[in-house]
Amino acid sequence: MRKILWLIEHAEEIAHRPIKGSEFFSLHSGSYRLPYLIDRSQKLIVNDDIAQHDAAYDRIKKLKL
């Protein structure tokens, strides 16, 4: 939870790099990945998944946005 709050507080300051082949960005927290999307027009960060590294990326690959 601390990492998510950190992301919200620092979203304007950090460089968000997309995950290769995806519209998602990824926040790392230990062995976990928090994939997220940014809606700059609404000033929103959307995260609906927290998973271990491989599981998180496998789920992202299955999504079609």
N, C-alpha and C. Protein backbone atom coordinates (compact mmCIF):
# COMPACT_ATOMS: atom_id res chain seq x y z
N MET A 1 0.82 -1.20 0.00
CA MET A 1 0.00 0.00 0.00
C MET A 1 0.87 1.27 0.00
N ARG A 2 2.00 1.19 0.69
CA ARG A 2 2.88 2.36 0.74
C ARG A 2 3.37 2.74 -0.64
N LYS A 3 3.68 1.74 -1.47
CA LYS A 3 4.17 2.01 -2.83
C LYS A 3 3.10 2.68 -3.67
N ILE A 4 1.85 2.27 -3.53
CA ILE A 4 0.76 2.87 -4.29
C ILE A 4 0.59 4.33 -3.87
N LEU A 5 0.63 4.58 -2.59
CA LEU A 5 0.52 5.96 -2.11
C LEU A 5 1.69 6.80 -2.59
N TRP A 6 2.89 6.20 -2.60
CA TRP A 6 4.07 6.90 -3.11
C TRP A 6 3.87 7.26 -4.58
N LEU A 7 3.36 6.31 -5.37
CA LEU A 7 3.12 6.55 -6.79
C LEU A 7 2.15 7.72 -6.98
N ILE A 8 1.09 7.74 -6.22
CA ILE A 8 0.10 8.82 -6.32
C ILE A 8 0.75 10.17 -6.00
N GLU A 9 1.55 10.20 -4.95
CA GLU A 9 2.18 11.45 -4.52
C GLU A 9 3.26 11.94 -5.49
N HIS A 10 3.91 11.02 -6.21
CA HIS A 10 5.05 11.38 -7.06
C HIS A 10 4.79 11.20 -8.56
N ALA A 11 3.57 10.97 -8.94
CA ALA A 11 3.24 10.67 -10.34
C ALA A 11 3.73 11.74 -11.31
N GLU A 12 3.69 12.98 -10.92
CA GLU A 12 4.11 14.07 -11.80
C GLU A 12 5.63 14.16 -11.92
N GLU A 13 6.35 13.59 -10.97
CA GLU A 13 7.80 13.75 -10.90
C GLU A 13 8.59 12.62 -11.56
N ILE A 14 7.98 11.46 -11.72
CA ILE A 14 8.74 10.31 -12.21
C ILE A 14 8.48 10.05 -13.69
N ALA A 15 9.44 9.39 -14.31
CA ALA A 15 9.30 9.01 -15.72
C ALA A 15 8.61 7.65 -15.77
N HIS A 16 7.45 7.62 -16.37
CA HIS A 16 6.69 6.38 -16.51
C HIS A 16 7.06 5.75 -17.85
N ARG A 17 7.59 4.55 -17.80
CA ARG A 17 7.95 3.85 -19.04
C ARG A 17 7.00 2.68 -19.22
N PRO A 18 6.39 2.59 -20.40
CA PRO A 18 5.44 1.49 -20.60
C PRO A 18 6.12 0.13 -20.64
N ILE A 19 5.36 -0.86 -20.21
CA ILE A 19 5.81 -2.24 -20.33
C ILE A 19 5.84 -2.57 -21.80
N LYS A 20 6.87 -3.23 -22.24
CA LYS A 20 7.05 -3.53 -23.66
C LYS A 20 5.80 -4.22 -24.23
N GLY A 21 5.27 -3.65 -25.31
CA GLY A 21 4.11 -4.22 -25.98
C GLY A 21 2.79 -3.97 -25.27
N SER A 22 2.75 -3.00 -24.37
CA SER A 22 1.54 -2.76 -23.58
C SER A 22 1.34 -1.27 -23.33
N GLU A 23 0.13 -0.91 -22.97
CA GLU A 23 -0.15 0.47 -22.55
C GLU A 23 0.07 0.65 -21.06
N PHE A 24 0.33 -0.46 -20.35
CA PHE A 24 0.51 -0.42 -18.91
C PHE A 24 1.91 0.02 -18.54
N PHE A 25 2.00 0.61 -17.36
CA PHE A 25 3.27 0.91 -16.70
C PHE A 25 3.37 -0.05 -15.53
N SER A 26 4.55 -0.15 -14.91
CA SER A 26 4.70 -1.10 -13.82
C SER A 26 5.48 -0.48 -12.67
N LEU A 27 4.94 -0.62 -11.49
CA LEU A 27 5.61 -0.19 -10.27
C LEU A 27 6.12 -1.46 -9.58
N HIS A 28 7.38 -1.48 -9.21
CA HIS A 28 7.98 -2.65 -8.58
C HIS A 28 7.99 -2.46 -7.07
N SER A 29 7.63 -3.52 -6.38
CA SER A 29 7.68 -3.52 -4.92
C SER A 29 8.13 -4.91 -4.48
N GLY A 30 9.42 -5.06 -4.24
CA GLY A 30 9.96 -6.37 -3.92
C GLY A 30 9.77 -7.31 -5.09
N SER A 31 9.18 -8.47 -4.85
CA SER A 31 8.94 -9.43 -5.94
C SER A 31 7.58 -9.21 -6.59
N TYR A 32 6.88 -8.18 -6.18
CA TYR A 32 5.55 -7.88 -6.74
C TYR A 32 5.63 -6.79 -7.80
N ARG A 33 4.66 -6.85 -8.73
CA ARG A 33 4.50 -5.82 -9.75
C ARG A 33 3.09 -5.27 -9.64
N LEU A 34 3.00 -3.97 -9.78
CA LEU A 34 1.71 -3.29 -9.73
C LEU A 34 1.50 -2.62 -11.07
N PRO A 35 0.90 -3.31 -12.02
CA PRO A 35 0.64 -2.70 -13.32
C PRO A 35 -0.40 -1.59 -13.17
N TYR A 36 -0.19 -0.49 -13.89
CA TYR A 36 -1.14 0.62 -13.79
C TYR A 36 -1.23 1.36 -15.11
N LEU A 37 -2.32 2.06 -15.26
CA LEU A 37 -2.55 2.94 -16.41
C LEU A 37 -2.64 4.36 -15.89
N ILE A 38 -2.32 5.31 -16.75
CA ILE A 38 -2.43 6.73 -16.39
C ILE A 38 -3.42 7.39 -17.34
N ASP A 39 -4.38 8.08 -16.75
CA ASP A 39 -5.32 8.90 -17.53
C ASP A 39 -5.00 10.34 -17.16
N ARG A 40 -4.15 10.95 -17.96
CA ARG A 40 -3.69 12.31 -17.64
C ARG A 40 -4.81 13.34 -17.71
N SER A 41 -5.76 13.15 -18.61
CA SER A 41 -6.86 14.11 -18.73
C SER A 41 -7.74 14.12 -17.48
N GLN A 42 -7.88 12.98 -16.84
CA GLN A 42 -8.68 12.87 -15.62
C GLN A 42 -7.82 12.92 -14.35
N LYS A 43 -6.50 12.96 -14.55
CA LYS A 43 -5.55 12.91 -13.44
C LYS A 43 -5.79 11.68 -12.57
N LEU A 44 -5.85 10.52 -13.25
CA LEU A 44 -6.11 9.26 -12.57
C LEU A 44 -4.98 8.27 -12.81
N ILE A 45 -4.70 7.48 -11.80
CA ILE A 45 -3.85 6.31 -11.94
C ILE A 45 -4.74 5.12 -11.62
N VAL A 46 -4.82 4.19 -12.55
CA VAL A 46 -5.70 3.04 -12.39
C VAL A 46 -4.87 1.79 -12.19
N ASN A 47 -5.09 1.13 -11.06
CA ASN A 47 -4.41 -0.13 -10.75
C ASN A 47 -5.46 -1.11 -10.25
N ASP A 48 -5.54 -2.26 -10.90
CA ASP A 48 -6.50 -3.26 -10.41
C ASP A 48 -5.86 -4.62 -10.24
N ASP A 49 -4.54 -4.64 -10.15
CA ASP A 49 -3.85 -5.92 -10.00
C ASP A 49 -2.55 -5.72 -9.25
N ILE A 50 -2.28 -6.64 -8.35
CA ILE A 50 -0.98 -6.72 -7.69
C ILE A 50 -0.64 -8.19 -7.70
N ALA A 51 0.50 -8.54 -8.28
CA ALA A 51 0.84 -9.95 -8.41
C ALA A 51 2.35 -10.14 -8.43
N GLN A 52 2.77 -11.37 -8.24
CA GLN A 52 4.17 -11.71 -8.38
C GLN A 52 4.60 -11.37 -9.82
N HIS A 53 5.87 -11.16 -10.02
CA HIS A 53 6.42 -10.70 -11.29
C HIS A 53 5.85 -11.42 -12.52
N ASP A 54 6.05 -12.71 -12.64
CA ASP A 54 5.61 -13.43 -13.84
C ASP A 54 4.10 -13.42 -14.01
N ALA A 55 3.37 -13.61 -12.93
CA ALA A 55 1.90 -13.63 -13.00
C ALA A 55 1.37 -12.27 -13.46
N ALA A 56 1.95 -11.19 -12.97
CA ALA A 56 1.50 -9.85 -13.36
C ALA A 56 1.70 -9.63 -14.86
N TYR A 57 2.87 -9.99 -15.37
CA TYR A 57 3.14 -9.78 -16.79
C TYR A 57 2.33 -10.72 -17.67
N ASP A 58 2.08 -11.94 -17.20
CA ASP A 58 1.23 -12.86 -17.96
C ASP A 58 -0.17 -12.30 -18.11
N ARG A 59 -0.72 -11.71 -17.05
CA ARG A 59 -2.06 -11.13 -17.11
C ARG A 59 -2.11 -9.94 -18.06
N ILE A 60 -1.07 -9.12 -18.04
CA ILE A 60 -1.03 -7.95 -18.92
C ILE A 60 -1.02 -8.39 -20.39
N LYS A 61 -0.25 -9.43 -20.69
CA LYS A 61 -0.18 -9.91 -22.08
C LYS A 61 -1.53 -10.36 -22.59
N LYS A 62 -2.40 -10.84 -21.72
CA LYS A 62 -3.71 -11.35 -22.11
C LYS A 62 -4.73 -10.23 -22.34
N LEU A 63 -4.46 -9.06 -21.82
CA LEU A 63 -5.39 -7.93 -21.95
C LEU A 63 -5.25 -7.27 -23.30
N LYS A 64 -6.33 -6.85 -23.86
CA LYS A 64 -6.35 -6.09 -25.11
C LYS A 64 -7.02 -4.76 -24.82
N LEU A 65 -6.25 -3.67 -24.81
CA LEU A 65 -6.84 -2.35 -24.55
C LEU A 65 -6.92 -1.57 -25.83
